[in-house]
Amino acid sequence: MSLGFTMPIRVYMEDTDAGGIVYYVNYLKFMERARSDWLRELGINQQMLLDEGTQLVVYRLACHYAKPARLDDPLMVSASVVSVGRCRMTFEQQVRRNEELLCAATVEIACLSAKTLKPKKWPDTLSMINEA
């Protein structure tokens, strides 16, 4: 079981602004996809969590945009768990083109009750994160 994950993506026209540069918010979408695919690699998906009454939401985010990505660039997006609390998890995430860092973020995820939207402890489905 890995608490780190990397996935390839390619920049499409829909990801860019009129100048062919990735629109800043799309880096956050790339990072969201990496966290979702990390869960899938662990055998979990968002619908499974919702069905058991758990919702994961971004609680806090700090992002640094270092260099632009452009149309058709092949990128690698990473997500690594760096800390786990009772109902929060912190990821360090990066978007790179080859070895060049384009964007880095610290993303805190909160575990909520899907019904009340109040914090709750990690469900048994996600018990492996407590081993981080």
N, C-alpha and C. Protein backbone atom coordinates (compact mmCIF):
# COMPACT_ATOMS: atom_id res chain seq x y z
N MET A 1 0.85 -1.18 0.00
CA MET A 1 0.00 0.00 0.00
C MET A 1 0.89 1.24 0.00
N SER A 2 0.56 2.16 -0.90
CA SER A 2 1.36 3.37 -1.03
C SER A 2 0.55 4.59 -0.66
N LEU A 3 1.19 5.51 0.08
CA LEU A 3 0.54 6.77 0.40
C LEU A 3 1.03 7.87 -0.52
N GLY A 4 1.66 7.49 -1.63
CA GLY A 4 2.07 8.42 -2.66
C GLY A 4 1.60 7.90 -4.01
N PHE A 5 1.38 8.81 -4.92
CA PHE A 5 0.81 8.43 -6.21
C PHE A 5 1.25 9.45 -7.25
N THR A 6 1.54 8.97 -8.47
CA THR A 6 1.88 9.85 -9.58
C THR A 6 1.11 9.39 -10.81
N MET A 7 0.59 10.34 -11.57
CA MET A 7 -0.14 9.99 -12.79
C MET A 7 0.21 10.95 -13.92
N PRO A 8 0.23 10.44 -15.15
CA PRO A 8 0.50 11.30 -16.29
C PRO A 8 -0.79 11.97 -16.78
N ILE A 9 -0.66 13.17 -17.27
CA ILE A 9 -1.77 13.85 -17.97
C ILE A 9 -1.17 14.61 -19.14
N ARG A 10 -2.01 15.03 -20.05
CA ARG A 10 -1.60 15.88 -21.15
C ARG A 10 -2.46 17.12 -21.12
N VAL A 11 -1.89 18.24 -21.49
CA VAL A 11 -2.62 19.50 -21.52
C VAL A 11 -3.42 19.57 -22.82
N TYR A 12 -4.74 19.73 -22.67
CA TYR A 12 -5.63 19.87 -23.82
C TYR A 12 -6.07 21.32 -23.96
N MET A 13 -6.63 21.65 -25.12
CA MET A 13 -7.09 23.00 -25.39
C MET A 13 -8.02 23.51 -24.29
N GLU A 14 -8.90 22.64 -23.79
CA GLU A 14 -9.86 23.04 -22.75
C GLU A 14 -9.19 23.43 -21.44
N ASP A 15 -7.91 23.05 -21.26
CA ASP A 15 -7.17 23.37 -20.04
C ASP A 15 -6.49 24.73 -20.11
N THR A 16 -6.49 25.34 -21.28
CA THR A 16 -5.68 26.55 -21.48
C THR A 16 -6.52 27.82 -21.64
N ASP A 17 -5.82 28.94 -21.50
CA ASP A 17 -6.43 30.23 -21.77
C ASP A 17 -6.23 30.55 -23.25
N ALA A 18 -6.59 31.75 -23.68
CA ALA A 18 -6.49 32.13 -25.09
C ALA A 18 -5.05 32.11 -25.60
N GLY A 19 -4.07 32.20 -24.70
CA GLY A 19 -2.67 32.19 -25.10
C GLY A 19 -2.06 30.80 -25.12
N GLY A 20 -2.85 29.76 -24.85
CA GLY A 20 -2.33 28.40 -24.87
C GLY A 20 -1.60 28.00 -23.60
N ILE A 21 -1.76 28.77 -22.53
CA ILE A 21 -1.13 28.47 -21.24
C ILE A 21 -2.20 27.92 -20.30
N VAL A 22 -1.83 26.91 -19.51
CA VAL A 22 -2.80 26.30 -18.59
C VAL A 22 -3.36 27.36 -17.65
N TYR A 23 -4.68 27.45 -17.62
CA TYR A 23 -5.40 28.36 -16.74
C TYR A 23 -5.16 27.91 -15.30
N TYR A 24 -4.84 28.83 -14.41
CA TYR A 24 -4.35 28.50 -13.07
C TYR A 24 -5.22 27.51 -12.31
N VAL A 25 -6.53 27.62 -12.38
CA VAL A 25 -7.41 26.74 -11.60
C VAL A 25 -7.34 25.30 -12.08
N ASN A 26 -6.92 25.10 -13.32
CA ASN A 26 -6.86 23.73 -13.83
C ASN A 26 -5.76 22.90 -13.17
N TYR A 27 -4.73 23.55 -12.62
CA TYR A 27 -3.74 22.79 -11.85
C TYR A 27 -4.42 22.12 -10.66
N LEU A 28 -5.38 22.83 -10.05
CA LEU A 28 -6.11 22.26 -8.91
C LEU A 28 -6.96 21.08 -9.36
N LYS A 29 -7.52 21.15 -10.56
CA LYS A 29 -8.28 20.02 -11.10
C LYS A 29 -7.37 18.83 -11.34
N PHE A 30 -6.18 19.09 -11.88
CA PHE A 30 -5.23 18.00 -12.09
C PHE A 30 -4.91 17.32 -10.75
N MET A 31 -4.72 18.13 -9.72
CA MET A 31 -4.38 17.59 -8.40
C MET A 31 -5.55 16.80 -7.81
N GLU A 32 -6.76 17.28 -8.01
CA GLU A 32 -7.96 16.56 -7.55
C GLU A 32 -8.02 15.18 -8.22
N ARG A 33 -7.74 15.13 -9.50
CA ARG A 33 -7.76 13.85 -10.21
C ARG A 33 -6.72 12.90 -9.64
N ALA A 34 -5.55 13.42 -9.31
CA ALA A 34 -4.50 12.56 -8.74
C ALA A 34 -4.94 11.99 -7.39
N ARG A 35 -5.58 12.82 -6.54
CA ARG A 35 -6.05 12.30 -5.25
C ARG A 35 -7.14 11.26 -5.46
N SER A 36 -8.03 11.49 -6.41
CA SER A 36 -9.10 10.53 -6.70
C SER A 36 -8.53 9.22 -7.23
N ASP A 37 -7.56 9.30 -8.13
CA ASP A 37 -6.95 8.08 -8.67
C ASP A 37 -6.10 7.37 -7.63
N TRP A 38 -5.53 8.12 -6.68
CA TRP A 38 -4.81 7.50 -5.55
C TRP A 38 -5.79 6.63 -4.76
N LEU A 39 -6.99 7.16 -4.49
CA LEU A 39 -8.00 6.37 -3.78
C LEU A 39 -8.35 5.11 -4.58
N ARG A 40 -8.54 5.28 -5.91
CA ARG A 40 -8.87 4.13 -6.74
C ARG A 40 -7.78 3.07 -6.68
N GLU A 41 -6.52 3.50 -6.64
CA GLU A 41 -5.42 2.55 -6.54
C GLU A 41 -5.51 1.76 -5.22
N LEU A 42 -6.09 2.37 -4.19
CA LEU A 42 -6.28 1.70 -2.91
C LEU A 42 -7.55 0.84 -2.88
N GLY A 43 -8.29 0.83 -4.02
CA GLY A 43 -9.52 0.04 -4.10
C GLY A 43 -10.75 0.76 -3.57
N ILE A 44 -10.68 2.09 -3.51
CA ILE A 44 -11.77 2.91 -2.96
C ILE A 44 -12.16 3.94 -4.01
N ASN A 45 -13.44 4.26 -4.09
CA ASN A 45 -13.84 5.38 -4.93
C ASN A 45 -14.79 6.29 -4.16
N GLN A 46 -14.96 7.49 -4.69
CA GLN A 46 -15.77 8.50 -4.00
C GLN A 46 -17.20 8.01 -3.76
N GLN A 47 -17.77 7.27 -4.71
CA GLN A 47 -19.15 6.80 -4.54
C GLN A 47 -19.26 5.82 -3.38
N MET A 48 -18.25 4.95 -3.22
CA MET A 48 -18.24 4.02 -2.08
C MET A 48 -18.28 4.80 -0.78
N LEU A 49 -17.46 5.84 -0.69
CA LEU A 49 -17.43 6.65 0.53
C LEU A 49 -18.76 7.33 0.77
N LEU A 50 -19.35 7.92 -0.28
CA LEU A 50 -20.66 8.58 -0.13
C LEU A 50 -21.73 7.58 0.32
N ASP A 51 -21.68 6.38 -0.26
CA ASP A 51 -22.67 5.35 0.10
C ASP A 51 -22.59 4.98 1.58
N GLU A 52 -21.39 5.08 2.17
CA GLU A 52 -21.26 4.76 3.59
C GLU A 52 -21.35 6.01 4.47
N GLY A 53 -21.69 7.17 3.85
CA GLY A 53 -21.94 8.38 4.62
C GLY A 53 -20.72 9.26 4.86
N THR A 54 -19.68 9.09 4.04
CA THR A 54 -18.45 9.85 4.19
C THR A 54 -18.22 10.73 2.98
N GLN A 55 -17.84 11.96 3.23
CA GLN A 55 -17.50 12.88 2.16
C GLN A 55 -16.14 13.50 2.46
N LEU A 56 -15.28 13.55 1.45
CA LEU A 56 -13.96 14.17 1.58
C LEU A 56 -13.99 15.52 0.88
N VAL A 57 -13.56 16.57 1.58
CA VAL A 57 -13.58 17.92 1.01
C VAL A 57 -12.25 18.61 1.26
N VAL A 58 -11.92 19.55 0.38
CA VAL A 58 -10.72 20.36 0.59
C VAL A 58 -11.03 21.35 1.70
N TYR A 59 -10.20 21.31 2.72
CA TYR A 59 -10.37 22.16 3.90
C TYR A 59 -9.48 23.41 3.80
N ARG A 60 -8.26 23.20 3.32
CA ARG A 60 -7.31 24.31 3.20
C ARG A 60 -6.37 23.98 2.05
N LEU A 61 -5.91 25.04 1.37
CA LEU A 61 -5.05 24.87 0.22
C LEU A 61 -4.06 26.02 0.14
N ALA A 62 -2.79 25.69 -0.07
CA ALA A 62 -1.76 26.70 -0.34
C ALA A 62 -1.06 26.25 -1.62
N CYS A 63 -0.99 27.14 -2.59
CA CYS A 63 -0.50 26.77 -3.90
C CYS A 63 0.55 27.77 -4.39
N HIS A 64 1.59 27.26 -5.03
CA HIS A 64 2.63 28.09 -5.63
C HIS A 64 2.74 27.72 -7.11
N TYR A 65 2.53 28.73 -7.95
CA TYR A 65 2.66 28.54 -9.39
C TYR A 65 4.06 28.99 -9.79
N ALA A 66 4.90 28.05 -10.23
CA ALA A 66 6.29 28.35 -10.53
C ALA A 66 6.53 28.69 -12.00
N LYS A 67 5.98 27.88 -12.90
CA LYS A 67 6.19 28.07 -14.34
C LYS A 67 4.94 27.60 -15.06
N PRO A 68 4.68 28.13 -16.25
CA PRO A 68 3.46 27.74 -16.97
C PRO A 68 3.61 26.43 -17.74
N ALA A 69 2.52 25.71 -17.81
CA ALA A 69 2.41 24.58 -18.73
C ALA A 69 1.67 25.09 -19.96
N ARG A 70 1.92 24.44 -21.07
CA ARG A 70 1.33 24.89 -22.34
C ARG A 70 0.59 23.75 -23.03
N LEU A 71 -0.20 24.15 -24.01
CA LEU A 71 -0.97 23.22 -24.82
C LEU A 71 -0.10 22.05 -25.28
N ASP A 72 -0.59 20.83 -25.11
CA ASP A 72 0.03 19.57 -25.52
C ASP A 72 1.19 19.12 -24.64
N ASP A 73 1.54 19.86 -23.59
CA ASP A 73 2.61 19.41 -22.69
C ASP A 73 2.21 18.11 -22.01
N PRO A 74 3.12 17.13 -21.96
CA PRO A 74 2.89 15.96 -21.10
C PRO A 74 3.34 16.31 -19.68
N LEU A 75 2.48 16.07 -18.71
CA LEU A 75 2.77 16.43 -17.32
C LEU A 75 2.66 15.20 -16.43
N MET A 76 3.28 15.30 -15.26
CA MET A 76 3.12 14.29 -14.21
C MET A 76 2.57 15.01 -12.98
N VAL A 77 1.53 14.43 -12.40
CA VAL A 77 0.89 15.01 -11.22
C VAL A 77 1.06 14.03 -10.07
N SER A 78 1.57 14.52 -8.95
CA SER A 78 1.81 13.64 -7.81
C SER A 78 0.96 14.07 -6.62
N ALA A 79 0.70 13.09 -5.77
CA ALA A 79 -0.03 13.31 -4.51
C ALA A 79 0.59 12.41 -3.47
N SER A 80 1.13 13.01 -2.41
CA SER A 80 1.75 12.25 -1.33
C SER A 80 1.16 12.67 0.00
N VAL A 81 0.72 11.70 0.79
CA VAL A 81 0.20 11.98 2.12
C VAL A 81 1.38 12.29 3.03
N VAL A 82 1.32 13.45 3.71
CA VAL A 82 2.41 13.82 4.61
C VAL A 82 1.99 13.82 6.08
N SER A 83 0.69 13.90 6.34
CA SER A 83 0.22 13.77 7.73
C SER A 83 -1.25 13.37 7.74
N VAL A 84 -1.61 12.68 8.83
CA VAL A 84 -2.99 12.22 9.01
C VAL A 84 -3.40 12.51 10.44
N GLY A 85 -4.55 13.16 10.59
CA GLY A 85 -5.13 13.40 11.90
C GLY A 85 -6.41 12.61 12.06
N ARG A 86 -7.15 12.91 13.10
CA ARG A 86 -8.39 12.18 13.38
C ARG A 86 -9.40 12.30 12.24
N CYS A 87 -9.50 13.52 11.67
CA CYS A 87 -10.46 13.71 10.57
C CYS A 87 -9.88 14.58 9.45
N ARG A 88 -8.56 14.75 9.43
CA ARG A 88 -7.90 15.51 8.36
C ARG A 88 -6.68 14.76 7.84
N MET A 89 -6.38 15.02 6.58
CA MET A 89 -5.21 14.44 5.94
C MET A 89 -4.56 15.55 5.10
N THR A 90 -3.23 15.62 5.12
CA THR A 90 -2.52 16.64 4.36
C THR A 90 -1.72 15.97 3.25
N PHE A 91 -1.88 16.50 2.05
CA PHE A 91 -1.15 16.04 0.87
C PHE A 91 -0.16 17.12 0.45
N GLU A 92 1.00 16.70 -0.03
CA GLU A 92 1.89 17.56 -0.80
C GLU A 92 1.71 17.11 -2.24
N GLN A 93 1.44 18.07 -3.11
CA GLN A 93 1.18 17.73 -4.51
C GLN A 93 2.04 18.59 -5.43
N GLN A 94 2.40 18.00 -6.56
CA GLN A 94 3.20 18.71 -7.55
C GLN A 94 2.72 18.39 -8.95
N VAL A 95 2.90 19.38 -9.83
CA VAL A 95 2.71 19.17 -11.27
C VAL A 95 4.05 19.48 -11.90
N ARG A 96 4.56 18.50 -12.67
CA ARG A 96 5.88 18.65 -13.29
C ARG A 96 5.80 18.38 -14.80
N ARG A 97 6.69 19.04 -15.50
CA ARG A 97 6.93 18.73 -16.91
C ARG A 97 8.36 18.19 -16.94
N ASN A 98 8.50 16.90 -17.20
CA ASN A 98 9.79 16.22 -17.03
C ASN A 98 10.22 16.43 -15.58
N GLU A 99 11.37 16.96 -15.32
CA GLU A 99 11.81 17.20 -13.94
C GLU A 99 11.51 18.63 -13.47
N GLU A 100 10.95 19.44 -14.34
CA GLU A 100 10.71 20.85 -14.04
C GLU A 100 9.42 21.05 -13.24
N LEU A 101 9.54 21.64 -12.05
CA LEU A 101 8.37 21.91 -11.21
C LEU A 101 7.58 23.08 -11.78
N LEU A 102 6.30 22.85 -12.03
CA LEU A 102 5.44 23.91 -12.55
C LEU A 102 4.52 24.47 -11.46
N CYS A 103 4.03 23.58 -10.60
CA CYS A 103 3.09 23.99 -9.57
C CYS A 103 3.22 23.05 -8.38
N ALA A 104 3.18 23.61 -7.18
CA ALA A 104 3.24 22.80 -5.96
C ALA A 104 2.16 23.29 -5.00
N ALA A 105 1.56 22.36 -4.27
CA ALA A 105 0.50 22.73 -3.34
C ALA A 105 0.52 21.83 -2.12
N THR A 106 0.08 22.40 -1.01
CA THR A 106 -0.22 21.65 0.20
C THR A 106 -1.74 21.68 0.31
N VAL A 107 -2.34 20.51 0.35
CA VAL A 107 -3.80 20.39 0.34
C VAL A 107 -4.24 19.62 1.57
N GLU A 108 -5.07 20.23 2.40
CA GLU A 108 -5.65 19.55 3.56
C GLU A 108 -7.05 19.09 3.20
N ILE A 109 -7.30 17.81 3.43
CA ILE A 109 -8.60 17.20 3.16
C ILE A 109 -9.27 16.91 4.49
N ALA A 110 -10.54 17.23 4.60
CA ALA A 110 -11.31 16.93 5.80
C ALA A 110 -12.28 15.79 5.50
N CYS A 111 -12.48 14.95 6.49
CA CYS A 111 -13.43 13.85 6.41
C CYS A 111 -14.72 14.32 7.11
N LEU A 112 -15.82 14.33 6.37
CA LEU A 112 -17.09 14.82 6.90
C LEU A 112 -18.17 13.75 6.82
N SER A 113 -19.16 13.90 7.67
CA SER A 113 -20.37 13.12 7.53
C SER A 113 -21.11 13.67 6.31
N ALA A 114 -21.46 12.81 5.36
CA ALA A 114 -22.17 13.25 4.16
C ALA A 114 -23.55 13.80 4.50
N LYS A 115 -24.09 13.37 5.63
CA LYS A 115 -25.43 13.81 6.03
C LYS A 115 -25.39 15.16 6.74
N THR A 116 -24.51 15.31 7.71
CA THR A 116 -24.48 16.53 8.53
C THR A 116 -23.44 17.55 8.08
N LEU A 117 -22.47 17.10 7.26
CA LEU A 117 -21.34 17.92 6.82
C LEU A 117 -20.48 18.40 7.99
N LYS A 118 -20.48 17.60 9.06
CA LYS A 118 -19.62 17.88 10.22
C LYS A 118 -18.46 16.90 10.21
N PRO A 119 -17.32 17.32 10.79
CA PRO A 119 -16.16 16.43 10.81
C PRO A 119 -16.47 15.10 11.48
N LYS A 120 -15.87 14.04 10.93
CA LYS A 120 -16.00 12.72 11.52
C LYS A 120 -14.67 11.99 11.37
N LYS A 121 -14.43 10.99 12.20
CA LYS A 121 -13.18 10.24 12.11
C LYS A 121 -13.19 9.42 10.82
N TRP A 122 -12.00 9.05 10.39
CA TRP A 122 -11.87 8.27 9.17
C TRP A 122 -12.62 6.96 9.30
N PRO A 123 -13.39 6.59 8.28
CA PRO A 123 -14.12 5.31 8.34
C PRO A 123 -13.16 4.13 8.18
N ASP A 124 -13.63 2.94 8.50
CA ASP A 124 -12.81 1.73 8.36
C ASP A 124 -12.32 1.56 6.93
N THR A 125 -13.10 2.01 5.96
CA THR A 125 -12.70 1.92 4.55
C THR A 125 -11.34 2.58 4.31
N LEU A 126 -11.06 3.64 5.08
CA LEU A 126 -9.81 4.37 4.93
C LEU A 126 -8.85 4.13 6.08
N SER A 127 -8.98 2.99 6.73
CA SER A 127 -8.15 2.71 7.92
C SER A 127 -6.67 2.68 7.60
N MET A 128 -6.31 2.37 6.35
CA MET A 128 -4.89 2.28 5.99
C MET A 128 -4.18 3.63 6.12
N ILE A 129 -4.90 4.73 6.10
CA ILE A 129 -4.24 6.03 6.22
C ILE A 129 -3.73 6.27 7.63
N ASN A 130 -4.32 5.62 8.60
CA ASN A 130 -3.86 5.78 9.97
C ASN A 130 -2.48 5.16 10.20
N GLU A 131 -2.03 4.35 9.24
CA GLU A 131 -0.73 3.72 9.33
C GLU A 131 0.36 4.60 8.75
N ALA A 132 -0.02 5.78 8.23
CA ALA A 132 0.95 6.67 7.57
C ALA A 132 1.95 7.22 8.56
